[in-house]
């Protein structure tokens, strides 16, 4: 059930089943070495430390979550195969020498006595390594001198035969996968070039499309969409709800309403994370929305990473010249909250990506449905009414509009009125985000007030001054 087990009985049972036999061989060899001279054949078990160390490191060092290019992955796999092959050849060479020494201790003829008794230790290792490499290719260059050595050579040849089959099949499979991926990408680019030829687009626009497509391919490789992970489609729906909750709740917590709503209705916030949330990847210079647009499917944007620029144009009273204001929108900001609490919102500015960005997209229709179907629908209505009343009052006082969400003292007061108990638990988290409303105005990005602000569908109508 993916639980952390720390009880002594379970930990001991796991250790005995998986690791105890290896450690026992290593410790037994050390005990024998302390009490008497170590027989030659027991020297082989010292080499068990290397696989044991590699296994331990693989368990301690966390696996990286960053995907790499398919060709690099194959190259790394091949290097790992070569490393393991060298380790196997080294172990085989040492075992072959140990068998020879053991045969001498038993009083039987040995290949060590027959051919290389006069060689130094380094020359003997080189000869054993040459023997092991030859065995790895199916060739025996040293004639065994007794039955023990013949059995060892036979077993080694059989194991090497199976290992070669596995190695060749594994590398072939990896190369085939790379070839399939490469051919798929070539087909995609060829289809794009064909489409360019059929439609007369400017060269500049073609370059932008290619650049954007290439970045999106890299983004997809590094962050695979959930829909592409087949196993995630097979797990139970409650477990997927928990997955989406952990993936997205830390973004929604930047907004005080969702932070309080999480404490007040844990099941409701999980429905929102599961049903109402999606992600959007943007390339530099992508336009999210333009001034004067009315979204057909209203959403609220939360910035996960990257930065955007919000631009508004205001005509000065008594002057026909236009005044342009820009504001940077960084990680943790939200845009278009008005779509959640009002009807028929029209964007007051233009939002453009200034770098590669990733946004969380919150569907207002799904969010409203989740709130209304929950146990705290009354709280949602109270917050919507309070938010619309505050916004209309600010318009009457300052005649300014902006799509950028801001955490103000009025927002804190509204959360305190709607969530009196929950706000007391989280208000310290937002203490550093307060922006005091001064007489000079509230929003740094302004636009002349137009139209009417109406309330969200589940709140009563609120009139604009």
Protein backbone atom coordinates (compact mmCIF):
# COMPACT_ATOMS: atom_id res chain seq x y z
CA UNK A 1 0.00 0.00 0.00
CA UNK A 2 3.06 2.29 -0.42
CA UNK A 3 3.46 2.69 3.34
CA UNK A 4 6.78 3.24 5.11
CA UNK A 5 7.39 0.18 7.28
CA UNK A 6 9.83 0.67 10.18
CA UNK A 7 8.91 -2.22 12.50
CA UNK A 8 11.86 -4.42 13.41
CA UNK A 9 10.15 -7.67 12.45
CA UNK A 10 9.30 -6.57 8.90
CA UNK A 11 12.69 -4.92 8.31
CA UNK A 12 14.53 -8.01 9.58
CA UNK A 13 12.44 -10.33 7.41
CA UNK A 14 13.13 -8.24 4.30
CA UNK A 15 16.86 -8.18 5.07
CA UNK A 16 17.07 -11.94 5.64
CA UNK A 17 15.20 -12.69 2.41
CA UNK A 18 17.05 -10.25 0.14
CA UNK A 19 20.53 -9.47 1.51
CA UNK A 20 21.47 -11.79 4.36
CA UNK A 21 22.85 -14.62 2.20
CA UNK A 22 25.30 -12.30 0.43
CA UNK A 23 26.50 -10.71 3.68
CA UNK A 24 26.80 -14.14 5.28
CA UNK A 25 29.19 -15.33 2.56
CA UNK A 26 31.31 -12.20 2.90
CA UNK A 27 31.47 -12.37 6.69
CA UNK A 28 32.19 -16.13 6.66
CA UNK A 29 35.13 -15.53 4.37
CA UNK A 30 36.47 -12.88 6.78
CA UNK A 31 36.07 -15.21 9.78
CA UNK A 32 37.95 -17.99 8.03
CA UNK A 33 40.70 -15.54 7.08
CA UNK A 34 41.12 -14.51 10.71
CA UNK A 35 41.24 -18.07 12.07
CA UNK A 36 43.40 -19.71 9.40
CA UNK A 37 44.80 -19.37 5.91
CA UNK A 38 42.09 -18.77 3.35
CA UNK A 39 41.72 -21.54 0.77
CA UNK A 40 42.25 -20.31 -2.76
CA UNK A 41 38.68 -21.00 -3.88
CA UNK A 42 37.29 -18.78 -1.09
CA UNK A 43 39.16 -15.77 -2.49
CA UNK A 44 36.44 -15.61 -5.14
CA UNK A 45 33.77 -14.60 -2.62
CA UNK A 46 35.63 -11.37 -1.90
CA UNK A 47 34.48 -10.19 -5.32
CA UNK A 48 30.88 -10.32 -4.09
CA UNK A 49 31.54 -6.95 -2.44
CA UNK A 50 31.42 -5.14 -5.79
CA UNK A 51 27.89 -6.23 -6.84
CA UNK A 52 26.78 -5.68 -3.26
CA UNK A 53 28.14 -2.12 -3.35
CA UNK A 54 26.55 -1.38 -6.72
CA UNK A 55 23.19 -2.66 -5.50
CA UNK A 56 23.40 -0.52 -2.35
CA UNK A 57 24.27 2.61 -4.34
CA UNK A 58 21.38 2.01 -6.72
CA UNK A 59 19.02 1.89 -3.74
CA UNK A 60 20.42 4.99 -2.03
CA UNK A 61 20.89 7.33 -4.98
CA UNK A 62 17.45 8.51 -6.21
CA UNK A 63 16.60 8.03 -9.83
CA UNK A 64 16.57 11.17 -11.86
CA UNK A 65 13.23 12.36 -13.16
CA UNK A 66 14.67 14.31 -16.08
CA UNK A 67 14.24 12.51 -19.37
CA UNK A 68 17.14 12.45 -21.81
CA UNK A 69 17.32 12.16 -25.54
CA UNK A 70 16.63 8.64 -26.81
CA UNK A 71 20.06 8.40 -28.47
CA UNK A 72 21.79 9.46 -25.26
CA UNK A 73 19.78 6.89 -23.33
CA UNK A 74 20.89 4.11 -25.66
CA UNK A 75 24.51 5.26 -25.41
CA UNK A 76 24.28 5.21 -21.61
CA UNK A 77 22.73 1.73 -21.72
CA UNK A 78 25.53 0.45 -23.94
CA UNK A 79 28.15 1.92 -21.59
CA UNK A 80 26.43 0.23 -18.66
CA UNK A 81 26.46 -3.08 -20.55
CA UNK A 82 30.19 -2.68 -21.22
CA UNK A 83 30.85 -1.87 -17.56
CA UNK A 84 28.97 -4.93 -16.36
CA UNK A 85 30.74 -7.04 -18.99
CA UNK A 86 34.12 -5.87 -17.69
CA UNK A 87 33.07 -6.69 -14.13
CA UNK A 88 31.88 -10.13 -15.24
CA UNK A 89 35.15 -10.78 -17.12
CA UNK A 90 37.19 -9.72 -14.08
CA UNK A 91 35.20 -12.02 -11.79
CA UNK A 92 35.56 -14.88 -14.28
CA UNK A 93 39.34 -14.35 -14.50
CA UNK A 94 39.74 -14.33 -10.74
CA UNK A 95 37.51 -17.39 -10.39
CA UNK A 96 39.58 -19.26 -13.03
CA UNK A 97 42.77 -18.53 -11.12
CA UNK A 98 41.09 -19.51 -7.84
CA UNK A 99 40.01 -22.85 -9.34
CA UNK A 100 43.59 -23.50 -10.42
CA UNK A 101 44.99 -22.76 -6.96
CA UNK A 102 42.29 -24.88 -5.35
CA UNK A 103 43.21 -27.82 -7.58
CA UNK A 104 46.83 -27.51 -6.43
CA UNK A 105 45.68 -27.55 -2.78
CA UNK A 106 43.74 -30.76 -3.51
CA UNK A 107 46.84 -32.38 -5.03
CA UNK A 108 45.45 -32.50 -8.54
CA UNK A 109 47.14 -31.29 -11.72
CA UNK A 110 46.28 -27.69 -12.53
CA UNK A 111 46.63 -25.36 -15.45
CA UNK A 112 48.63 -23.06 -13.16
CA UNK A 113 51.32 -25.70 -12.63
CA UNK A 114 51.21 -26.94 -16.19
CA UNK A 115 51.88 -23.67 -17.98
CA UNK A 116 52.43 -20.63 -15.80
CA UNK A 117 53.95 -21.58 -12.47
CA UNK A 118 57.00 -19.41 -13.19
CA UNK A 119 55.03 -16.24 -14.10
CA UNK A 120 54.60 -13.26 -11.79
CA UNK A 121 51.23 -12.39 -10.24
CA UNK A 122 50.63 -9.59 -12.77
CA UNK A 123 51.36 -11.91 -15.72
CA UNK A 124 49.07 -14.56 -14.29
CA UNK A 125 46.22 -12.02 -13.98
CA UNK A 126 46.74 -10.91 -17.58
CA UNK A 127 46.63 -14.54 -18.71
CA UNK A 128 43.45 -15.16 -16.69
CA UNK A 129 41.90 -12.00 -18.14
CA UNK A 130 42.79 -13.21 -21.64
CA UNK A 131 41.16 -16.55 -20.83
CA UNK A 132 37.98 -14.83 -19.56
CA UNK A 133 37.69 -12.57 -22.61
CA UNK A 134 38.15 -15.59 -24.87
CA UNK A 135 35.46 -17.49 -22.98
CA UNK A 136 33.16 -14.49 -23.44
CA UNK A 137 33.50 -15.01 -27.21
CA UNK A 138 32.97 -18.76 -26.97
CA UNK A 139 36.65 -19.77 -27.29
CA UNK A 140 38.73 -21.71 -24.74
CA UNK A 141 42.46 -20.87 -25.05
CA UNK A 142 43.64 -22.75 -21.93
CA UNK A 143 43.19 -26.49 -21.71
CA UNK A 144 41.75 -27.58 -18.32
CA UNK A 145 43.90 -30.14 -16.46
CA UNK A 146 41.30 -31.86 -14.22
CA UNK A 147 37.60 -32.52 -13.87
CA UNK A 148 36.98 -29.49 -11.65
CA UNK A 149 38.45 -27.16 -14.24
CA UNK A 150 36.50 -28.85 -17.04
CA UNK A 151 33.22 -28.44 -15.15
CA UNK A 152 34.06 -24.78 -14.51
CA UNK A 153 34.86 -24.12 -18.17
CA UNK A 154 31.63 -25.88 -19.27
CA UNK A 155 29.48 -23.86 -16.88
CA UNK A 156 31.24 -20.64 -17.90
CA UNK A 157 30.67 -21.30 -21.61
CA UNK A 158 26.98 -22.05 -21.01
CA UNK A 159 26.48 -18.90 -18.91
CA UNK A 160 28.37 -16.77 -21.44
CA UNK A 161 26.17 -18.16 -24.22
CA UNK A 162 23.00 -17.12 -22.38
CA UNK A 163 24.52 -13.75 -21.49
CA UNK A 164 25.42 -13.01 -25.09
CA UNK A 165 21.87 -13.80 -26.19
CA UNK A 166 20.47 -11.42 -23.57
CA UNK A 167 22.99 -8.67 -24.39
CA UNK A 168 22.41 -8.77 -28.15
CA UNK A 169 18.63 -8.85 -27.79
CA UNK A 170 18.64 -5.96 -25.31
CA UNK A 171 20.83 -3.72 -27.47
CA UNK A 172 18.81 -4.61 -30.57
CA UNK A 173 15.58 -3.74 -28.80
CA UNK A 174 16.96 -0.38 -27.64
CA UNK A 175 18.19 0.52 -31.13
CA UNK A 176 14.85 -0.51 -32.62
CA UNK A 177 13.00 1.75 -30.20
CA UNK A 178 15.28 4.66 -31.07
CA UNK A 179 14.74 4.02 -34.77
CA UNK A 180 10.96 3.99 -34.32
CA UNK A 181 11.05 7.27 -32.41
CA UNK A 182 13.35 8.80 -35.01
CA UNK A 183 11.14 7.70 -37.91
CA UNK A 184 8.07 9.04 -36.15
CA UNK A 185 9.69 12.45 -35.69
CA UNK A 186 10.89 12.49 -39.29
CA UNK A 187 7.34 11.75 -40.42
CA UNK A 188 5.99 14.59 -38.30
CA UNK A 189 8.49 17.10 -39.69
CA UNK A 190 7.89 15.87 -43.24
CA UNK A 191 4.14 16.34 -42.82
CA UNK A 192 4.78 19.88 -41.52
CA UNK A 193 7.00 20.73 -44.50
CA UNK A 194 4.35 19.35 -46.85
CA UNK A 195 1.73 21.51 -45.18
CA UNK A 196 3.98 24.57 -45.55
CA UNK A 197 4.31 23.82 -49.27
CA UNK A 198 0.54 23.56 -49.64
CA UNK A 199 -0.14 26.79 -47.75
CA UNK A 200 1.73 29.95 -48.59
CA UNK A 201 2.94 31.17 -45.22
CA UNK A 202 5.59 33.81 -44.66
CA UNK A 203 9.09 32.55 -43.96
CA UNK A 204 9.12 34.31 -40.60
CA UNK A 205 5.93 32.57 -39.50
CA UNK A 206 7.27 29.21 -40.66
CA UNK A 207 10.38 29.68 -38.52
CA UNK A 208 8.23 30.54 -35.50
CA UNK A 209 6.10 27.43 -36.03
CA UNK A 210 9.16 25.19 -36.34
CA UNK A 211 10.79 26.69 -33.27
CA UNK A 212 7.63 26.32 -31.24
CA UNK A 213 7.07 22.74 -32.41
CA UNK A 214 10.65 21.79 -31.54
CA UNK A 215 10.32 23.24 -28.05
CA UNK A 216 7.03 21.45 -27.52
CA UNK A 217 8.61 18.13 -28.53
CA UNK A 218 11.39 18.66 -26.00
CA UNK A 219 8.84 19.64 -23.36
CA UNK A 220 6.83 16.49 -24.06
CA UNK A 221 9.95 14.34 -23.70
CA UNK A 222 10.93 15.96 -20.42
CA UNK A 223 7.40 16.10 -18.98
CA UNK A 224 5.26 13.34 -20.40
CA UNK A 225 1.55 14.21 -20.38
CA UNK A 226 -0.56 12.11 -18.06
CA UNK A 227 -2.65 10.89 -20.99
CA UNK A 228 0.47 9.27 -22.52
CA UNK A 229 1.16 7.16 -19.42
CA UNK A 230 -0.93 4.05 -20.03
CA UNK A 231 -0.59 2.63 -16.50
CA UNK A 232 -2.06 5.82 -15.01
CA UNK A 233 -5.20 5.18 -17.05
CA UNK A 234 -5.62 1.79 -15.38
CA UNK A 235 -5.45 2.83 -11.73
CA UNK A 236 -8.57 3.50 -9.69
CA UNK A 237 -10.32 6.86 -9.92
CA UNK A 238 -9.91 7.69 -6.18
CA UNK A 239 -6.16 7.20 -6.55
CA UNK A 240 -6.08 9.49 -9.58
CA UNK A 241 -7.92 12.09 -7.51
CA UNK A 242 -5.12 11.94 -4.93
CA UNK A 243 -2.52 12.24 -7.72
CA UNK A 244 -4.13 15.38 -9.13
CA UNK A 245 -4.52 16.83 -5.65
CA UNK A 246 -0.81 16.50 -4.90
CA UNK A 247 0.15 17.78 -8.35
CA UNK A 248 -1.94 20.96 -8.33
CA UNK A 249 -2.89 21.96 -4.78
CA UNK A 250 0.40 23.74 -4.12
CA UNK A 251 -0.39 26.06 -7.03
CA UNK A 252 -3.95 26.77 -5.95
CA UNK A 253 -2.75 27.54 -2.41
CA UNK A 254 -1.34 30.82 -3.68
CA UNK A 255 -4.95 32.04 -3.75
CA UNK A 256 -6.37 32.56 -0.23
CA UNK A 257 -9.85 31.31 -1.14
CA UNK A 258 -8.61 27.89 -2.25
CA UNK A 259 -6.26 27.67 0.74
CA UNK A 260 -9.17 28.21 3.13
CA UNK A 261 -11.50 26.03 1.07
CA UNK A 262 -8.96 23.19 1.29
CA UNK A 263 -9.22 23.24 5.08
CA UNK A 264 -12.99 23.69 5.12
CA UNK A 265 -13.88 21.04 2.50
CA UNK A 266 -11.03 18.58 1.73
CA UNK A 267 -13.21 16.49 -0.58
CA UNK A 268 -14.39 19.57 -2.49
CA UNK A 269 -10.88 20.84 -3.21
CA UNK A 270 -9.94 17.37 -4.43
CA UNK A 271 -12.83 17.45 -6.89
CA UNK A 272 -11.59 20.78 -8.19
CA UNK A 273 -8.04 19.48 -8.63
CA UNK A 274 -9.35 16.36 -10.38
CA UNK A 275 -12.01 17.82 -12.67
CA UNK A 276 -11.27 21.48 -13.19
CA UNK A 277 -7.50 21.68 -13.61
CA UNK A 278 -5.31 21.33 -16.70
CA UNK A 279 -1.90 22.65 -17.71
CA UNK A 280 -0.85 24.85 -20.61
CA UNK A 281 2.68 25.19 -22.02
CA UNK A 282 3.64 28.41 -23.79
CA UNK A 283 6.62 29.44 -25.88
CA UNK A 284 8.12 32.90 -25.79
CA UNK A 285 5.93 35.57 -27.43
CA UNK A 286 2.79 33.43 -27.30
CA UNK A 287 -0.36 35.46 -26.69
CA UNK A 288 -2.68 34.04 -24.02
CA UNK A 289 -5.46 36.57 -24.58
CA UNK A 290 -5.88 40.06 -25.99
CA UNK A 291 -7.57 43.15 -24.68
CA UNK A 292 -11.30 43.21 -25.44
CA UNK A 293 -11.66 39.44 -25.86
CA UNK A 294 -14.47 37.58 -24.12
CA UNK A 295 -13.49 33.96 -23.38
CA UNK A 296 -15.90 31.33 -24.67
CA UNK A 297 -14.75 28.89 -21.97
CA UNK A 298 -13.79 31.11 -19.02
CA UNK A 299 -10.73 29.98 -17.09
CA UNK A 300 -8.38 31.27 -14.40
CA UNK A 301 -4.62 31.08 -15.07
CA UNK A 302 -2.02 30.35 -12.40
CA UNK A 303 1.67 30.74 -13.29
CA UNK A 304 3.65 27.58 -12.49
CA UNK A 305 6.94 28.64 -14.07
CA UNK A 306 8.21 31.32 -16.42
CA UNK A 307 7.15 34.93 -16.73
CA UNK A 308 4.56 36.86 -18.73
CA UNK A 309 3.85 40.49 -19.59
CA UNK A 310 0.45 42.07 -19.04
CA UNK A 311 -0.10 45.18 -21.20
CA UNK A 312 -2.95 47.66 -21.02
CA UNK A 313 -3.63 50.75 -23.10
CA UNK A 314 -5.44 53.72 -21.57
CA UNK A 315 -6.57 56.93 -23.30
CA UNK A 316 -5.86 60.01 -21.20
CA UNK A 317 -8.85 62.23 -20.50
CA UNK A 318 -8.68 65.42 -22.57
CA UNK A 319 -5.79 63.94 -24.56
CA UNK A 320 -6.06 61.69 -27.57
CA UNK A 321 -2.67 60.06 -26.89
CA UNK A 322 -2.61 56.51 -25.52
CA UNK A 323 -0.80 55.53 -22.33
CA UNK A 324 0.59 51.99 -22.28
CA UNK A 325 1.24 50.22 -19.00
CA UNK A 326 3.13 46.95 -18.56
CA UNK A 327 3.29 44.62 -15.62
CA UNK A 328 5.34 41.47 -15.14
CA UNK A 329 3.45 38.37 -14.08
CA UNK A 330 5.68 35.82 -12.36
CA UNK A 331 5.38 32.45 -10.67
CA UNK A 332 2.63 32.29 -8.06
CA UNK A 333 0.43 34.93 -9.71
CA UNK A 334 -3.07 34.30 -10.99
CA UNK A 335 -4.87 35.96 -13.92
CA UNK A 336 -8.54 36.19 -14.79
CA UNK A 337 -10.09 35.52 -11.39
CA UNK A 338 -12.97 37.71 -12.52
CA UNK A 339 -14.15 34.88 -14.81
CA UNK A 340 -14.73 32.74 -11.71
CA UNK A 341 -16.92 35.19 -9.81
CA UNK A 342 -18.60 37.17 -12.63
CA UNK A 343 -20.50 36.54 -15.85
CA UNK A 344 -19.44 37.63 -19.34
CA UNK A 345 -16.05 39.03 -18.39
CA UNK A 346 -14.07 40.92 -21.02
CA UNK A 347 -10.30 40.99 -20.71
CA UNK A 348 -8.92 44.40 -19.84
CA UNK A 349 -5.42 43.86 -21.23
CA UNK A 350 -3.17 41.62 -23.28
CA UNK A 351 -1.21 38.76 -21.70
CA UNK A 352 1.96 37.65 -23.51
CA UNK A 353 4.64 35.13 -22.54
CA UNK A 354 8.13 36.64 -22.21
CA UNK A 355 9.78 33.23 -21.70
CA UNK A 356 8.88 29.58 -21.87
CA UNK A 357 5.98 29.23 -19.45
CA UNK A 358 3.79 26.63 -17.88
CA UNK A 359 0.36 27.66 -16.64
CA UNK A 360 -2.25 25.92 -14.57
CA UNK A 361 -5.65 26.41 -16.22
CA UNK A 362 -8.64 26.32 -13.88
CA UNK A 363 -12.01 25.80 -15.53
CA UNK A 364 -14.53 28.15 -13.94
CA UNK A 365 -17.52 26.01 -14.93
CA UNK A 366 -16.06 22.87 -13.34
CA UNK A 367 -14.96 24.81 -10.27
CA UNK A 368 -18.40 26.30 -9.74
CA UNK A 369 -19.98 22.89 -10.21
CA UNK A 370 -17.68 21.33 -7.61
CA UNK A 371 -18.40 24.10 -5.10
CA UNK A 372 -22.15 23.99 -5.62
CA UNK A 373 -22.29 20.20 -5.32
CA UNK A 374 -20.25 20.22 -2.11
CA UNK A 375 -21.28 20.72 1.47
CA UNK A 376 -20.09 24.35 1.49
CA UNK A 377 -22.06 25.77 -1.44
CA UNK A 378 -23.34 28.52 0.86
CA UNK A 379 -19.75 29.57 1.59
CA UNK A 380 -19.00 29.78 -2.13
CA UNK A 381 -22.00 32.04 -2.66
CA UNK A 382 -20.97 34.27 0.24
CA UNK A 383 -17.45 34.66 -1.12
CA UNK A 384 -18.71 35.39 -4.65
CA UNK A 385 -21.12 38.05 -3.39
CA UNK A 386 -18.43 39.61 -1.21
CA UNK A 387 -15.84 39.59 -3.99
CA UNK A 388 -18.22 41.23 -6.50
CA UNK A 389 -19.27 43.86 -3.94
CA UNK A 390 -15.62 44.69 -3.22
CA UNK A 391 -14.75 44.90 -6.90
CA UNK A 392 -17.69 47.20 -7.70
CA UNK A 393 -16.74 49.44 -4.78
CA UNK A 394 -13.15 49.67 -6.04
CA UNK A 395 -14.37 50.53 -9.55
CA UNK A 396 -16.54 53.30 -8.16
CA UNK A 397 -13.59 54.71 -6.21
CA UNK A 398 -10.74 54.31 -8.71
CA UNK A 399 -12.33 53.51 -12.10
CA UNK A 400 -9.64 50.98 -12.83
CA UNK A 401 -9.73 47.40 -14.10
CA UNK A 402 -7.11 44.68 -14.36
CA UNK A 403 -7.11 40.94 -14.99
CA UNK A 404 -4.17 40.34 -12.63
CA UNK A 405 -5.16 38.97 -9.25
CA UNK A 406 -3.78 40.68 -6.15
CA UNK A 407 -3.87 39.83 -2.49
CA UNK A 408 -5.02 42.90 -0.60
CA UNK A 409 -6.19 43.72 2.90
CA UNK A 410 -9.78 43.65 1.58
CA UNK A 411 -9.25 40.11 0.28
CA UNK A 412 -7.93 39.09 3.68
CA UNK A 413 -10.97 40.63 5.38
CA UNK A 414 -13.30 38.78 3.01
CA UNK A 415 -11.60 35.45 3.76
CA UNK A 416 -11.87 36.21 7.47
CA UNK A 417 -15.62 36.82 7.17
CA UNK A 418 -16.34 33.77 5.00
CA UNK A 419 -13.83 31.38 6.62
CA UNK A 420 -13.44 32.66 10.20
CA UNK A 421 -11.96 29.46 11.60
CA UNK A 422 -9.80 28.45 8.62
CA UNK A 423 -8.40 31.95 8.04
CA UNK A 424 -7.02 32.00 11.56
CA UNK A 425 -4.89 28.97 10.67
CA UNK A 426 -3.43 30.31 7.42
CA UNK A 427 -3.31 34.11 7.74
CA UNK A 428 0.39 34.02 8.67
CA UNK A 429 1.16 32.41 5.30
CA UNK A 430 -0.15 35.51 3.53
CA UNK A 431 1.11 38.20 5.90
CA UNK A 432 4.04 38.98 3.59
CA UNK A 433 1.71 39.36 0.58
CA UNK A 434 -0.41 42.26 1.87
CA UNK A 435 -0.78 45.29 -0.36
CA UNK A 436 -2.36 48.21 1.47
CA UNK A 437 -4.90 50.17 -0.54
CA UNK A 438 -3.93 53.85 -0.62
CA UNK A 439 -5.85 56.85 -1.79
CA UNK A 440 -3.74 57.16 -4.91
CA UNK A 441 -5.13 53.99 -6.37
CA UNK A 442 -4.92 50.24 -6.04
CA UNK A 443 -3.80 48.51 -9.21
CA UNK A 444 -0.51 49.15 -10.97
CA UNK A 445 -2.03 48.23 -14.33
CA UNK A 446 -5.04 50.40 -15.11
CA UNK A 447 -7.63 50.77 -17.78
CA UNK A 448 -10.67 53.00 -18.07
CA UNK A 449 -13.68 51.23 -16.54
CA UNK A 450 -16.16 49.94 -19.07
CA UNK A 451 -19.22 47.78 -18.93
CA UNK A 452 -20.95 46.21 -15.98
CA UNK A 453 -19.67 43.74 -13.41
CA UNK A 454 -22.30 41.14 -12.59
CA UNK A 455 -22.10 38.43 -9.99
CA UNK A 456 -21.26 34.78 -10.43
CA UNK A 457 -24.13 32.54 -11.41
CA UNK A 458 -24.53 31.14 -7.90
CA UNK A 459 -24.56 34.59 -6.21
CA UNK A 460 -27.11 37.36 -6.26
CA UNK A 461 -26.77 40.13 -8.81
CA UNK A 462 -24.47 42.98 -7.84
CA UNK A 463 -24.62 46.34 -9.56
CA UNK A 464 -21.67 48.40 -10.67
CA UNK A 465 -21.43 52.05 -9.81
